[in-house]
């Protein structure tokens, strides 16, 4: 005999996992509580599956060594970060200058 978690009455469970007596199991409030618990368990299972996925191995774009990123946006290792940033910035500026030269843009020179 176990005690119902909802009303406190003693009852003979059909299964070891049964927590509520037959009267309380048909109660809409208890059904909603059981449904919430079921959904919570499903969410936890999904979260565990997401965490179990293997992360894709990242490599530094500059030296091609294995990279253990501290964020999902990191693309360079610590040693290559300055060089990588400098090269990326230089490439951006080359494109920017070419675009503005083609458009005939001339900055005003003030004395």
C-alpha atoms as a PDB file:
ATOM      1  CA  UNK A   1       0.000   0.000   0.000  1.00  0.00           C
ATOM      2  CA  UNK A   2       1.243   3.448  -0.877  1.00  0.00           C
ATOM      3  CA  UNK A   3      -0.048   6.912  -0.168  1.00  0.00           C
ATOM      4  CA  UNK A   4      -1.528   9.058  -2.932  1.00  0.00           C
ATOM      5  CA  UNK A   5       0.557  12.184  -3.476  1.00  0.00           C
ATOM      6  CA  UNK A   6      -2.527  14.251  -4.249  1.00  0.00           C
ATOM      7  CA  UNK A   7      -5.120  13.324  -1.621  1.00  0.00           C
ATOM      8  CA  UNK A   8      -3.111  11.259   0.888  1.00  0.00           C
ATOM      9  CA  UNK A   9      -5.359   8.151   0.743  1.00  0.00           C
ATOM     10  CA  UNK A  10      -3.799   4.691   0.856  1.00  0.00           C
ATOM     11  CA  UNK A  11      -4.143   2.603  -2.319  1.00  0.00           C
ATOM     12  CA  UNK A  12      -2.729  -0.486  -4.000  1.00  0.00           C
ATOM     13  CA  UNK A  13      -0.657   0.634  -7.026  1.00  0.00           C
ATOM     14  CA  UNK A  14      -0.905  -1.246 -10.321  1.00  0.00           C
ATOM     15  CA  UNK A  15       2.696  -0.312 -11.174  1.00  0.00           C
ATOM     16  CA  UNK A  16       5.682   0.594  -9.037  1.00  0.00           C
ATOM     17  CA  UNK A  17       5.761   4.069 -10.565  1.00  0.00           C
ATOM     18  CA  UNK A  18       2.111   4.873  -9.810  1.00  0.00           C
ATOM     19  CA  UNK A  19       1.877   7.947  -7.552  1.00  0.00           C
ATOM     20  CA  UNK A  20      -1.848   8.741  -7.520  1.00  0.00           C
ATOM     21  CA  UNK A  21      -4.928   6.731  -6.578  1.00  0.00           C
ATOM     22  CA  UNK A  22      -7.567   5.945  -9.222  1.00  0.00           C
ATOM     23  CA  UNK A  23      -9.857   8.798  -8.128  1.00  0.00           C
ATOM     24  CA  UNK A  24      -7.088  11.398  -8.325  1.00  0.00           C
ATOM     25  CA  UNK A  25      -5.716  10.113 -11.627  1.00  0.00           C
ATOM     26  CA  UNK A  26      -8.975  11.028 -13.310  1.00  0.00           C
ATOM     27  CA  UNK A  27      -8.868  14.536 -11.766  1.00  0.00           C
ATOM     28  CA  UNK A  28      -8.128  17.154 -14.488  1.00  0.00           C
ATOM     29  CA  UNK A  29      -5.638  19.024 -12.284  1.00  0.00           C
ATOM     30  CA  UNK A  30      -3.607  15.893 -11.687  1.00  0.00           C
ATOM     31  CA  UNK A  31      -3.723  15.037 -15.376  1.00  0.00           C
ATOM     32  CA  UNK A  32      -2.370  18.494 -16.220  1.00  0.00           C
ATOM     33  CA  UNK A  33       0.377  18.096 -13.627  1.00  0.00           C
ATOM     34  CA  UNK A  34       1.353  14.711 -15.054  1.00  0.00           C
ATOM     35  CA  UNK A  35       1.336  16.157 -18.588  1.00  0.00           C
ATOM     36  CA  UNK A  36       3.599  19.034 -17.493  1.00  0.00           C
ATOM     37  CA  UNK A  37       6.000  16.560 -15.925  1.00  0.00           C
ATOM     38  CA  UNK A  38       5.973  14.429 -19.085  1.00  0.00           C
ATOM     39  CA  UNK A  39       6.767  17.474 -21.241  1.00  0.00           C
ATOM     40  CA  UNK A  40       9.529  18.545 -18.865  1.00  0.00           C
ATOM     41  CA  UNK A  41      11.151  15.124 -19.143  1.00  0.00           C
ATOM     42  CA  UNK A  42      10.936  15.297 -22.949  1.00  0.00           C
ATOM     43  CA  UNK A  43      12.624  18.724 -22.950  1.00  0.00           C
ATOM     44  CA  UNK A  44      15.396  17.402 -20.716  1.00  0.00           C
ATOM     45  CA  UNK A  45      15.944  14.432 -23.035  1.00  0.00           C
ATOM     46  CA  UNK A  46      16.193  16.752 -26.055  1.00  0.00           C
ATOM     47  CA  UNK A  47      18.651  18.996 -24.226  1.00  0.00           C
ATOM     48  CA  UNK A  48      20.808  15.994 -23.355  1.00  0.00           C
ATOM     49  CA  UNK A  49      20.795  14.847 -26.981  1.00  0.00           C
ATOM     50  CA  UNK A  50      21.913  18.310 -28.111  1.00  0.00           C
ATOM     51  CA  UNK A  51      24.763  18.294 -25.600  1.00  0.00           C
ATOM     52  CA  UNK A  52      25.855  14.799 -26.622  1.00  0.00           C
ATOM     53  CA  UNK A  53      26.416  15.761 -30.254  1.00  0.00           C
ATOM     54  CA  UNK A  54      30.033  15.868 -31.231  1.00  0.00           C
ATOM     55  CA  UNK A  55      31.317  19.307 -31.957  1.00  0.00           C
ATOM     56  CA  UNK A  56      32.906  19.848 -35.326  1.00  0.00           C
ATOM     57  CA  UNK A  57      36.661  20.197 -35.051  1.00  0.00           C
ATOM     58  CA  UNK A  58      37.796  23.733 -35.805  1.00  0.00           C
ATOM     59  CA  UNK A  59      41.129  24.745 -37.252  1.00  0.00           C
ATOM     60  CA  UNK A  60      42.867  28.099 -37.212  1.00  0.00           C
ATOM     61  CA  UNK A  61      42.415  29.896 -40.540  1.00  0.00           C
ATOM     62  CA  UNK A  62      45.948  31.257 -40.399  1.00  0.00           C
ATOM     63  CA  UNK A  63      48.160  28.336 -39.283  1.00  0.00           C
ATOM     64  CA  UNK A  64      45.675  25.435 -39.687  1.00  0.00           C
ATOM     65  CA  UNK A  65      46.371  24.067 -36.196  1.00  0.00           C
ATOM     66  CA  UNK A  66      43.622  22.468 -34.148  1.00  0.00           C
ATOM     67  CA  UNK A  67      41.604  25.144 -32.375  1.00  0.00           C
ATOM     68  CA  UNK A  68      39.731  24.934 -29.079  1.00  0.00           C
ATOM     69  CA  UNK A  69      37.462  27.974 -29.484  1.00  0.00           C
ATOM     70  CA  UNK A  70      36.307  29.973 -26.497  1.00  0.00           C
ATOM     71  CA  UNK A  71      33.307  31.131 -28.558  1.00  0.00           C
ATOM     72  CA  UNK A  72      31.520  29.867 -31.648  1.00  0.00           C
ATOM     73  CA  UNK A  73      32.811  32.830 -33.685  1.00  0.00           C
ATOM     74  CA  UNK A  74      36.509  32.324 -33.008  1.00  0.00           C
ATOM     75  CA  UNK A  75      38.453  31.525 -36.180  1.00  0.00           C
ATOM     76  CA  UNK A  76      42.084  32.114 -35.204  1.00  0.00           C
ATOM     77  CA  UNK A  77      44.244  30.685 -32.440  1.00  0.00           C
ATOM     78  CA  UNK A  78      45.719  33.062 -29.879  1.00  0.00           C
ATOM     79  CA  UNK A  79      49.093  33.236 -31.639  1.00  0.00           C
ATOM     80  CA  UNK A  80      47.609  34.051 -35.052  1.00  0.00           C
ATOM     81  CA  UNK A  81      44.816  36.378 -33.948  1.00  0.00           C
ATOM     82  CA  UNK A  82      46.731  39.622 -34.530  1.00  0.00           C
ATOM     83  CA  UNK A  83      48.046  38.511 -37.936  1.00  0.00           C
ATOM     84  CA  UNK A  84      44.650  37.203 -38.990  1.00  0.00           C
ATOM     85  CA  UNK A  85      42.895  40.398 -37.961  1.00  0.00           C
ATOM     86  CA  UNK A  86      45.523  42.516 -39.726  1.00  0.00           C
ATOM     87  CA  UNK A  87      45.214  40.525 -42.963  1.00  0.00           C
ATOM     88  CA  UNK A  88      41.418  40.609 -42.872  1.00  0.00           C
ATOM     89  CA  UNK A  89      41.429  44.354 -42.282  1.00  0.00           C
ATOM     90  CA  UNK A  90      43.935  44.885 -45.121  1.00  0.00           C
ATOM     91  CA  UNK A  91      41.761  42.861 -47.504  1.00  0.00           C
ATOM     92  CA  UNK A  92      38.700  44.888 -46.511  1.00  0.00           C
ATOM     93  CA  UNK A  93      40.537  48.163 -47.098  1.00  0.00           C
ATOM     94  CA  UNK A  94      41.819  47.027 -50.518  1.00  0.00           C
ATOM     95  CA  UNK A  95      38.257  46.229 -51.572  1.00  0.00           C
ATOM     96  CA  UNK A  96      36.961  49.500 -50.130  1.00  0.00           C
ATOM     97  CA  UNK A  97      39.595  51.573 -51.942  1.00  0.00           C
ATOM     98  CA  UNK A  98      38.984  49.788 -55.250  1.00  0.00           C
ATOM     99  CA  UNK A  99      35.247  50.361 -54.927  1.00  0.00           C
ATOM    100  CA  UNK A 100      35.685  54.061 -54.210  1.00  0.00           C
ATOM    101  CA  UNK A 101      38.243  54.520 -56.982  1.00  0.00           C
ATOM    102  CA  UNK A 102      35.820  52.953 -59.445  1.00  0.00           C
ATOM    103  CA  UNK A 103      33.044  55.267 -58.257  1.00  0.00           C
ATOM    104  CA  UNK A 104      35.254  58.320 -58.758  1.00  0.00           C
ATOM    105  CA  UNK A 105      35.209  59.283 -55.106  1.00  0.00           C
ATOM    106  CA  UNK A 106      37.966  61.688 -54.095  1.00  0.00           C
ATOM    107  CA  UNK A 107      38.188  62.774 -50.483  1.00  0.00           C
ATOM    108  CA  UNK A 108      38.439  66.501 -49.923  1.00  0.00           C
ATOM    109  CA  UNK A 109      41.787  67.686 -48.740  1.00  0.00           C
ATOM    110  CA  UNK A 110      41.551  70.545 -46.285  1.00  0.00           C
ATOM    111  CA  UNK A 111      44.453  72.768 -45.396  1.00  0.00           C
END
